[in-house]
Protein backbone atom coordinates (compact mmCIF):
# COMPACT_ATOMS: atom_id res chain seq x y z
CA UNK A 1 0.00 0.00 0.00
CA UNK A 2 1.07 3.54 -0.78
CA UNK A 3 0.31 6.68 1.21
CA UNK A 4 0.34 10.34 0.27
CA UNK A 5 -0.41 13.42 2.32
CA UNK A 6 -2.37 16.40 1.03
CA UNK A 7 -3.22 19.80 2.43
CA UNK A 8 -6.74 20.80 1.42
CA UNK A 9 -9.24 23.49 2.35
CA UNK A 10 -10.76 22.75 5.77
CA UNK A 11 -14.28 23.23 4.46
CA UNK A 12 -13.67 20.61 1.74
CA UNK A 13 -12.56 17.63 3.86
CA UNK A 14 -16.05 16.11 4.22
CA UNK A 15 -16.88 16.86 0.57
CA UNK A 16 -13.64 15.20 -0.56
CA UNK A 17 -14.35 12.12 1.54
CA UNK A 18 -17.85 11.94 0.02
CA UNK A 19 -16.42 12.11 -3.52
CA UNK A 20 -13.85 9.41 -2.79
CA UNK A 21 -16.53 7.10 -1.39
CA UNK A 22 -18.10 7.12 -4.85
CA UNK A 23 -14.93 5.50 -6.18
CA UNK A 24 -15.32 2.25 -4.26
CA UNK A 25 -11.96 0.77 -3.32
CA UNK A 26 -9.89 3.58 -4.81
CA UNK A 27 -8.36 4.78 -1.55
CA UNK A 28 -8.93 5.43 2.13
CA UNK A 29 -8.93 9.02 3.36
CA UNK A 30 -7.82 9.74 6.93
CA UNK A 31 -7.70 13.16 8.55
CA UNK A 32 -4.23 13.71 10.00
CA UNK A 33 -4.57 17.31 11.24
CA UNK A 34 -8.02 18.84 10.85
CA UNK A 35 -6.90 22.32 11.97
CA UNK A 36 -4.34 22.49 9.15
CA UNK A 37 -6.33 20.52 6.53
CA UNK A 38 -3.83 17.66 6.35
CA UNK A 39 -5.26 14.36 5.11
CA UNK A 40 -3.67 11.11 4.02
CA UNK A 41 -4.75 8.85 1.19
CA UNK A 42 -3.83 5.17 1.37
CA UNK A 43 -4.10 3.33 -1.94
CA UNK A 44 -2.83 0.33 -3.85
CA UNK A 45 -0.22 0.98 -6.53
CA UNK A 46 -2.51 -0.53 -9.18
CA UNK A 47 -4.96 2.39 -8.85
CA UNK A 48 -2.37 5.18 -8.69
CA UNK A 49 -3.10 6.39 -12.24
CA UNK A 50 -6.83 6.67 -11.62
CA UNK A 51 -6.32 8.32 -8.23
CA UNK A 52 -3.88 10.92 -9.51
CA UNK A 53 -6.11 11.70 -12.49
CA UNK A 54 -8.98 12.31 -10.07
CA UNK A 55 -6.79 14.47 -7.81
CA UNK A 56 -5.70 16.52 -10.82
CA UNK A 57 -9.30 17.20 -11.81
CA UNK A 58 -10.38 18.03 -8.23
CA UNK A 59 -7.36 20.10 -7.21
CA UNK A 60 -8.86 23.53 -8.04
CA UNK A 61 -11.76 22.75 -5.68
CA UNK A 62 -9.54 21.41 -2.90
CA UNK A 63 -6.80 23.99 -2.67
CA UNK A 64 -6.48 25.75 0.70
CA UNK A 65 -5.06 28.76 -1.13
CA UNK A 66 -7.16 31.25 -3.01
CA UNK A 67 -6.46 31.76 -6.67
CA UNK A 68 -5.98 35.06 -8.46
CA UNK A 69 -9.49 34.76 -9.94
CA UNK A 70 -11.04 34.32 -6.49
CA UNK A 71 -9.14 37.34 -5.20
CA UNK A 72 -10.46 39.47 -8.04
CA UNK A 73 -14.03 38.31 -7.35
CA UNK A 74 -13.65 39.23 -3.66
CA UNK A 75 -12.28 42.66 -4.56
CA UNK A 76 -15.09 43.31 -7.05
CA UNK A 77 -17.80 42.37 -4.57
CA UNK A 78 -16.90 45.14 -2.10
PDB file of N, CA and C in Angstrom:
ATOM      1  N   UNK A   1       0.841  -1.183   0.000  1.00  0.00           N
ATOM      2  CA  UNK A   1       0.000   0.000   0.000  1.00  0.00           C
ATOM      3  C   UNK A   1       0.880   1.239   0.000  1.00  0.00           C
ATOM      4  N   UNK A   2       0.375   2.255  -0.670  1.00  0.00           N
ATOM      5  CA  UNK A   2       1.069   3.537  -0.779  1.00  0.00           C
ATOM      6  C   UNK A   2       0.304   4.566   0.039  1.00  0.00           C
ATOM      7  N   UNK A   3       0.995   5.621   0.461  1.00  0.00           N
ATOM      8  CA  UNK A   3       0.315   6.675   1.211  1.00  0.00           C
ATOM      9  C   UNK A   3       0.866   8.020   0.767  1.00  0.00           C
ATOM     10  N   UNK A   4      -0.054   8.970   0.557  1.00  0.00           N
ATOM     11  CA  UNK A   4       0.340  10.342   0.266  1.00  0.00           C
ATOM     12  C   UNK A   4      -0.389  11.257   1.249  1.00  0.00           C
ATOM     13  N   UNK A   5       0.190  12.419   1.450  1.00  0.00           N
ATOM     14  CA  UNK A   5      -0.408  13.424   2.322  1.00  0.00           C
ATOM     15  C   UNK A   5      -0.750  14.644   1.488  1.00  0.00           C
ATOM     16  N   UNK A   6      -1.907  15.225   1.757  1.00  0.00           N
ATOM     17  CA  UNK A   6      -2.372  16.400   1.035  1.00  0.00           C
ATOM     18  C   UNK A   6      -2.808  17.458   2.031  1.00  0.00           C
ATOM     19  N   UNK A   7      -2.646  18.702   1.649  1.00  0.00           N
ATOM     20  CA  UNK A   7      -3.223  19.801   2.426  1.00  0.00           C
ATOM     21  C   UNK A   7      -4.358  20.361   1.589  1.00  0.00           C
ATOM     22  N   UNK A   8      -5.571  20.327   2.146  1.00  0.00           N
ATOM     23  CA  UNK A   8      -6.740  20.802   1.419  1.00  0.00           C
ATOM     24  C   UNK A   8      -7.497  21.815   2.269  1.00  0.00           C
ATOM     25  N   UNK A   9      -8.417  22.505   1.641  1.00  0.00           N
ATOM     26  CA  UNK A   9      -9.238  23.486   2.348  1.00  0.00           C
ATOM     27  C   UNK A   9     -10.041  22.772   3.439  1.00  0.00           C
ATOM     28  N   UNK A  10     -10.052  23.359   4.630  1.00  0.00           N
ATOM     29  CA  UNK A  10     -10.756  22.753   5.767  1.00  0.00           C
ATOM     30  C   UNK A  10     -12.213  22.461   5.439  1.00  0.00           C
ATOM     31  N   UNK A  11     -12.860  23.383   4.774  1.00  0.00           N
ATOM     32  CA  UNK A  11     -14.283  23.234   4.458  1.00  0.00           C
ATOM     33  C   UNK A  11     -14.539  22.137   3.428  1.00  0.00           C
ATOM     34  N   UNK A  12     -13.502  21.607   2.804  1.00  0.00           N
ATOM     35  CA  UNK A  12     -13.672  20.613   1.742  1.00  0.00           C
ATOM     36  C   UNK A  12     -13.362  19.187   2.185  1.00  0.00           C
ATOM     37  N   UNK A  13     -12.948  18.982   3.432  1.00  0.00           N
ATOM     38  CA  UNK A  13     -12.565  17.633   3.863  1.00  0.00           C
ATOM     39  C   UNK A  13     -13.736  16.661   3.745  1.00  0.00           C
ATOM     40  N   UNK A  14     -14.886  17.008   4.285  1.00  0.00           N
ATOM     41  CA  UNK A  14     -16.048  16.107   4.221  1.00  0.00           C
ATOM     42  C   UNK A  14     -16.499  15.896   2.777  1.00  0.00           C
ATOM     43  N   UNK A  15     -16.497  16.961   1.990  1.00  0.00           N
ATOM     44  CA  UNK A  15     -16.885  16.855   0.571  1.00  0.00           C
ATOM     45  C   UNK A  15     -15.943  15.907  -0.167  1.00  0.00           C
ATOM     46  N   UNK A  16     -14.634  16.048   0.080  1.00  0.00           N
ATOM     47  CA  UNK A  16     -13.637  15.205  -0.562  1.00  0.00           C
ATOM     48  C   UNK A  16     -13.843  13.737  -0.175  1.00  0.00           C
ATOM     49  N   UNK A  17     -14.103  13.486   1.096  1.00  0.00           N
ATOM     50  CA  UNK A  17     -14.354  12.117   1.542  1.00  0.00           C
ATOM     51  C   UNK A  17     -15.592  11.552   0.842  1.00  0.00           C
ATOM     52  N   UNK A  18     -16.635  12.361   0.711  1.00  0.00           N
ATOM     53  CA  UNK A  18     -17.852  11.938   0.023  1.00  0.00           C
ATOM     54  C   UNK A  18     -17.551  11.567  -1.434  1.00  0.00           C
ATOM     55  N   UNK A  19     -16.779  12.395  -2.115  1.00  0.00           N
ATOM     56  CA  UNK A  19     -16.420  12.113  -3.520  1.00  0.00           C
ATOM     57  C   UNK A  19     -15.648  10.805  -3.612  1.00  0.00           C
ATOM     58  N   UNK A  20     -14.669  10.617  -2.735  1.00  0.00           N
ATOM     59  CA  UNK A  20     -13.849   9.406  -2.788  1.00  0.00           C
ATOM     60  C   UNK A  20     -14.664   8.150  -2.504  1.00  0.00           C
ATOM     61  N   UNK A  21     -15.686   8.260  -1.669  1.00  0.00           N
ATOM     62  CA  UNK A  21     -16.532   7.098  -1.388  1.00  0.00           C
ATOM     63  C   UNK A  21     -17.261   6.617  -2.640  1.00  0.00           C
ATOM     64  N   UNK A  22     -17.467   7.504  -3.594  1.00  0.00           N
ATOM     65  CA  UNK A  22     -18.099   7.123  -4.853  1.00  0.00           C
ATOM     66  C   UNK A  22     -17.195   6.279  -5.742  1.00  0.00           C
ATOM     67  N   UNK A  23     -15.911   6.296  -5.447  1.00  0.00           N
ATOM     68  CA  UNK A  23     -14.925   5.503  -6.177  1.00  0.00           C
ATOM     69  C   UNK A  23     -14.548   4.308  -5.306  1.00  0.00           C
ATOM     70  N   UNK A  24     -15.458   3.386  -5.171  1.00  0.00           N
ATOM     71  CA  UNK A  24     -15.323   2.254  -4.263  1.00  0.00           C
ATOM     72  C   UNK A  24     -13.973   1.562  -4.414  1.00  0.00           C
ATOM     73  N   UNK A  25     -13.239   1.477  -3.315  1.00  0.00           N
ATOM     74  CA  UNK A  25     -11.964   0.769  -3.316  1.00  0.00           C
ATOM     75  C   UNK A  25     -10.788   1.560  -3.849  1.00  0.00           C
ATOM     76  N   UNK A  26     -10.991   2.803  -4.242  1.00  0.00           N
ATOM     77  CA  UNK A  26      -9.893   3.584  -4.808  1.00  0.00           C
ATOM     78  C   UNK A  26      -8.847   3.917  -3.752  1.00  0.00           C
ATOM     79  N   UNK A  27      -9.295   4.408  -2.602  1.00  0.00           N
ATOM     80  CA  UNK A  27      -8.359   4.777  -1.546  1.00  0.00           C
ATOM     81  C   UNK A  27      -9.123   4.961  -0.242  1.00  0.00           C
ATOM     82  N   UNK A  28      -8.361   5.139   0.817  1.00  0.00           N
ATOM     83  CA  UNK A  28      -8.932   5.426   2.126  1.00  0.00           C
ATOM     84  C   UNK A  28      -8.403   6.782   2.565  1.00  0.00           C
ATOM     85  N   UNK A  29      -9.305   7.693   2.890  1.00  0.00           N
ATOM     86  CA  UNK A  29      -8.929   9.018   3.363  1.00  0.00           C
ATOM     87  C   UNK A  29      -8.947   9.025   4.884  1.00  0.00           C
ATOM     88  N   UNK A  30      -7.889   9.551   5.480  1.00  0.00           N
ATOM     89  CA  UNK A  30      -7.822   9.739   6.925  1.00  0.00           C
ATOM     90  C   UNK A  30      -7.424  11.177   7.197  1.00  0.00           C
ATOM     91  N   UNK A  31      -8.068  11.802   8.154  1.00  0.00           N
ATOM     92  CA  UNK A  31      -7.701  13.159   8.546  1.00  0.00           C
ATOM     93  C   UNK A  31      -6.533  13.065   9.519  1.00  0.00           C
ATOM     94  N   UNK A  32      -5.437  13.727   9.181  1.00  0.00           N
ATOM     95  CA  UNK A  32      -4.234  13.712  10.005  1.00  0.00           C
ATOM     96  C   UNK A  32      -4.241  14.896  10.964  1.00  0.00           C
ATOM     97  N   UNK A  33      -4.535  16.084  10.427  1.00  0.00           N
ATOM     98  CA  UNK A  33      -4.571  17.311  11.238  1.00  0.00           C
ATOM     99  C   UNK A  33      -5.697  18.189  10.700  1.00  0.00           C
ATOM    100  N   UNK A  34      -6.854  18.117  11.337  1.00  0.00           N
ATOM    101  CA  UNK A  34      -8.021  18.844  10.854  1.00  0.00           C
ATOM    102  C   UNK A  34      -7.782  20.353  10.857  1.00  0.00           C
ATOM    103  N   UNK A  35      -7.112  20.871  11.865  1.00  0.00           N
ATOM    104  CA  UNK A  35      -6.901  22.316  11.966  1.00  0.00           C
ATOM    105  C   UNK A  35      -6.049  22.874  10.828  1.00  0.00           C
ATOM    106  N   UNK A  36      -5.199  22.053  10.260  1.00  0.00           N
ATOM    107  CA  UNK A  36      -4.342  22.492   9.147  1.00  0.00           C
ATOM    108  C   UNK A  36      -4.796  21.932   7.803  1.00  0.00           C
ATOM    109  N   UNK A  37      -5.832  21.088   7.783  1.00  0.00           N
ATOM    110  CA  UNK A  37      -6.333  20.520   6.533  1.00  0.00           C
ATOM    111  C   UNK A  37      -5.456  19.435   5.957  1.00  0.00           C
ATOM    112  N   UNK A  38      -4.723  18.727   6.813  1.00  0.00           N
ATOM    113  CA  UNK A  38      -3.833  17.657   6.348  1.00  0.00           C
ATOM    114  C   UNK A  38      -4.597  16.339   6.378  1.00  0.00           C
ATOM    115  N   UNK A  39      -4.637  15.678   5.226  1.00  0.00           N
ATOM    116  CA  UNK A  39      -5.264  14.360   5.113  1.00  0.00           C
ATOM    117  C   UNK A  39      -4.268  13.400   4.476  1.00  0.00           C
ATOM    118  N   UNK A  40      -4.485  12.122   4.702  1.00  0.00           N
ATOM    119  CA  UNK A  40      -3.673  11.114   4.022  1.00  0.00           C
ATOM    120  C   UNK A  40      -4.594  10.250   3.173  1.00  0.00           C
ATOM    121  N   UNK A  41      -4.055   9.781   2.072  1.00  0.00           N
ATOM    122  CA  UNK A  41      -4.751   8.848   1.193  1.00  0.00           C
ATOM    123  C   UNK A  41      -3.910   7.584   1.113  1.00  0.00           C
ATOM    124  N   UNK A  42      -4.503   6.465   1.467  1.00  0.00           N
ATOM    125  CA  UNK A  42      -3.835   5.174   1.368  1.00  0.00           C
ATOM    126  C   UNK A  42      -4.454   4.433   0.190  1.00  0.00           C
ATOM    127  N   UNK A  43      -3.608   3.939  -0.711  1.00  0.00           N
ATOM    128  CA  UNK A  43      -4.103   3.334  -1.944  1.00  0.00           C
ATOM    129  C   UNK A  43      -3.148   2.250  -2.418  1.00  0.00           C
ATOM    130  N   UNK A  44      -3.655   1.377  -3.241  1.00  0.00           N
ATOM    131  CA  UNK A  44      -2.834   0.331  -3.852  1.00  0.00           C
ATOM    132  C   UNK A  44      -2.179   0.895  -5.108  1.00  0.00           C
ATOM    133  N   UNK A  45      -0.965   0.476  -5.368  1.00  0.00           N
ATOM    134  CA  UNK A  45      -0.218   0.976  -6.528  1.00  0.00           C
ATOM    135  C   UNK A  45      -0.968   0.775  -7.842  1.00  0.00           C
ATOM    136  N   UNK A  46      -1.797  -0.247  -7.924  1.00  0.00           N
ATOM    137  CA  UNK A  46      -2.511  -0.533  -9.176  1.00  0.00           C
ATOM    138  C   UNK A  46      -3.555   0.522  -9.530  1.00  0.00           C
ATOM    139  N   UNK A  47      -3.958   1.359  -8.570  1.00  0.00           N
ATOM    140  CA  UNK A  47      -4.959   2.390  -8.847  1.00  0.00           C
ATOM    141  C   UNK A  47      -4.347   3.797  -8.844  1.00  0.00           C
ATOM    142  N   UNK A  48      -3.039   3.883  -8.778  1.00  0.00           N
ATOM    143  CA  UNK A  48      -2.368   5.181  -8.695  1.00  0.00           C
ATOM    144  C   UNK A  48      -2.737   6.091  -9.863  1.00  0.00           C
ATOM    145  N   UNK A  49      -2.768   5.580 -11.067  1.00  0.00           N
ATOM    146  CA  UNK A  49      -3.102   6.393 -12.238  1.00  0.00           C
ATOM    147  C   UNK A  49      -4.486   7.001 -12.137  1.00  0.00           C
ATOM    148  N   UNK A  50      -5.457   6.185 -11.766  1.00  0.00           N
ATOM    149  CA  UNK A  50      -6.831   6.666 -11.624  1.00  0.00           C
ATOM    150  C   UNK A  50      -6.936   7.695 -10.495  1.00  0.00           C
ATOM    151  N   UNK A  51      -6.275   7.404  -9.373  1.00  0.00           N
ATOM    152  CA  UNK A  51      -6.322   8.320  -8.232  1.00  0.00           C
ATOM    153  C   UNK A  51      -5.705   9.671  -8.583  1.00  0.00           C
ATOM    154  N   UNK A  52      -4.537   9.663  -9.192  1.00  0.00           N
ATOM    155  CA  UNK A  52      -3.883  10.923  -9.506  1.00  0.00           C
ATOM    156  C   UNK A  52      -4.614  11.703 -10.603  1.00  0.00           C
ATOM    157  N   UNK A  53      -5.273  11.009 -11.502  1.00  0.00           N
ATOM    158  CA  UNK A  53      -6.111  11.695 -12.492  1.00  0.00           C
ATOM    159  C   UNK A  53      -7.278  12.394 -11.792  1.00  0.00           C
ATOM    160  N   UNK A  54      -7.884  11.713 -10.832  1.00  0.00           N
ATOM    161  CA  UNK A  54      -8.979  12.313 -10.069  1.00  0.00           C
ATOM    162  C   UNK A  54      -8.482  13.507  -9.260  1.00  0.00           C
ATOM    163  N   UNK A  55      -7.347  13.363  -8.592  1.00  0.00           N
ATOM    164  CA  UNK A  55      -6.789  14.470  -7.815  1.00  0.00           C
ATOM    165  C   UNK A  55      -6.485  15.676  -8.693  1.00  0.00           C
ATOM    166  N   UNK A  56      -5.988  15.423  -9.885  1.00  0.00           N
ATOM    167  CA  UNK A  56      -5.703  16.516 -10.820  1.00  0.00           C
ATOM    168  C   UNK A  56      -6.975  17.271 -11.178  1.00  0.00           C
ATOM    169  N   UNK A  57      -8.049  16.538 -11.426  1.00  0.00           N
ATOM    170  CA  UNK A  57      -9.300  17.202 -11.806  1.00  0.00           C
ATOM    171  C   UNK A  57      -9.955  17.918 -10.629  1.00  0.00           C
ATOM    172  N   UNK A  58      -9.758  17.425  -9.405  1.00  0.00           N
ATOM    173  CA  UNK A  58     -10.376  18.032  -8.229  1.00  0.00           C
ATOM    174  C   UNK A  58      -9.525  19.128  -7.580  1.00  0.00           C
ATOM    175  N   UNK A  59      -8.267  19.206  -7.929  1.00  0.00           N
ATOM    176  CA  UNK A  59      -7.358  20.102  -7.212  1.00  0.00           C
ATOM    177  C   UNK A  59      -7.809  21.566  -7.149  1.00  0.00           C
ATOM    178  N   UNK A  60      -8.415  22.143  -8.190  1.00  0.00           N
ATOM    179  CA  UNK A  60      -8.861  23.533  -8.044  1.00  0.00           C
ATOM    180  C   UNK A  60      -9.925  23.707  -6.954  1.00  0.00           C
ATOM    181  N   UNK A  61     -10.718  22.675  -6.702  1.00  0.00           N
ATOM    182  CA  UNK A  61     -11.759  22.748  -5.680  1.00  0.00           C
ATOM    183  C   UNK A  61     -11.239  22.445  -4.281  1.00  0.00           C
ATOM    184  N   UNK A  62     -10.066  21.838  -4.192  1.00  0.00           N
ATOM    185  CA  UNK A  62      -9.538  21.406  -2.899  1.00  0.00           C
ATOM    186  C   UNK A  62      -8.485  22.335  -2.319  1.00  0.00           C
ATOM    187  N   UNK A  63      -7.920  23.190  -3.130  1.00  0.00           N
ATOM    188  CA  UNK A  63      -6.801  23.986  -2.667  1.00  0.00           C
ATOM    189  C   UNK A  63      -7.151  24.844  -1.454  1.00  0.00           C
ATOM    190  N   UNK A  64      -6.241  24.881  -0.461  1.00  0.00           N
ATOM    191  CA  UNK A  64      -6.485  25.750   0.695  1.00  0.00           C
ATOM    192  C   UNK A  64      -6.074  27.191   0.418  1.00  0.00           C
ATOM    193  N   UNK A  65      -5.547  27.433  -0.762  1.00  0.00           N
ATOM    194  CA  UNK A  65      -5.058  28.757  -1.130  1.00  0.00           C
ATOM    195  C   UNK A  65      -6.000  29.366  -2.154  1.00  0.00           C
ATOM    196  N   UNK A  66      -6.285  30.626  -2.044  1.00  0.00           N
ATOM    197  CA  UNK A  66      -7.162  31.252  -3.013  1.00  0.00           C
ATOM    198  C   UNK A  66      -6.381  31.553  -4.289  1.00  0.00           C
ATOM    199  N   UNK A  67      -7.080  31.500  -5.380  1.00  0.00           N
ATOM    200  CA  UNK A  67      -6.459  31.759  -6.671  1.00  0.00           C
ATOM    201  C   UNK A  67      -6.599  33.237  -7.011  1.00  0.00           C
ATOM    202  N   UNK A  68      -5.902  33.662  -8.025  1.00  0.00           N
ATOM    203  CA  UNK A  68      -5.976  35.056  -8.464  1.00  0.00           C
ATOM    204  C   UNK A  68      -7.410  35.419  -8.857  1.00  0.00           C
ATOM    205  N   UNK A  69      -8.106  34.509  -9.533  1.00  0.00           N
ATOM    206  CA  UNK A  69      -9.489  34.761  -9.943  1.00  0.00           C
ATOM    207  C   UNK A  69     -10.396  34.974  -8.736  1.00  0.00           C
ATOM    208  N   UNK A  70     -10.228  34.163  -7.685  1.00  0.00           N
ATOM    209  CA  UNK A  70     -11.041  34.324  -6.491  1.00  0.00           C
ATOM    210  C   UNK A  70     -10.759  35.650  -5.822  1.00  0.00           C
ATOM    211  N   UNK A  71      -9.509  36.057  -5.808  1.00  0.00           N
ATOM    212  CA  UNK A  71      -9.144  37.337  -5.204  1.00  0.00           C
ATOM    213  C   UNK A  71      -9.783  38.500  -5.935  1.00  0.00           C
ATOM    214  N   UNK A  72      -9.835  38.413  -7.245  1.00  0.00           N
ATOM    215  CA  UNK A  72     -10.458  39.469  -8.038  1.00  0.00           C
ATOM    216  C   UNK A  72     -11.954  39.519  -7.780  1.00  0.00           C
ATOM    217  N   UNK A  73     -12.597  38.345  -7.642  1.00  0.00           N
ATOM    218  CA  UNK A  73     -14.033  38.313  -7.347  1.00  0.00           C
ATOM    219  C   UNK A  73     -14.310  38.941  -5.985  1.00  0.00           C
ATOM    220  N   UNK A  74     -13.463  38.656  -4.994  1.00  0.00           N
ATOM    221  CA  UNK A  74     -13.645  39.229  -3.659  1.00  0.00           C
ATOM    222  C   UNK A  74     -13.488  40.740  -3.696  1.00  0.00           C
ATOM    223  N   UNK A  75     -12.516  41.217  -4.466  1.00  0.00           N
ATOM    224  CA  UNK A  75     -12.280  42.664  -4.560  1.00  0.00           C
ATOM    225  C   UNK A  75     -13.408  43.354  -5.285  1.00  0.00           C
ATOM    226  N   UNK A  76     -14.003  42.704  -6.282  1.00  0.00           N
ATOM    227  CA  UNK A  76     -15.093  43.307  -7.054  1.00  0.00           C
ATOM    228  C   UNK A  76     -16.407  43.323  -6.285  1.00  0.00           C
ATOM    229  N   UNK A  77     -16.543  42.460  -5.288  1.00  0.00           N
ATOM    230  CA  UNK A  77     -17.804  42.369  -4.566  1.00  0.00           C
ATOM    231  C   UNK A  77     -17.912  43.395  -3.456  1.00  0.00           C
ATOM    232  N   UNK A  78     -16.852  44.139  -3.173  1.00  0.00           N
ATOM    233  CA  UNK A  78     -16.902  45.140  -2.103  1.00  0.00           C
ATOM    234  C   UNK A  78     -17.238  46.505  -2.611  1.00  0.00           C
TER     235      UNK A  78
END
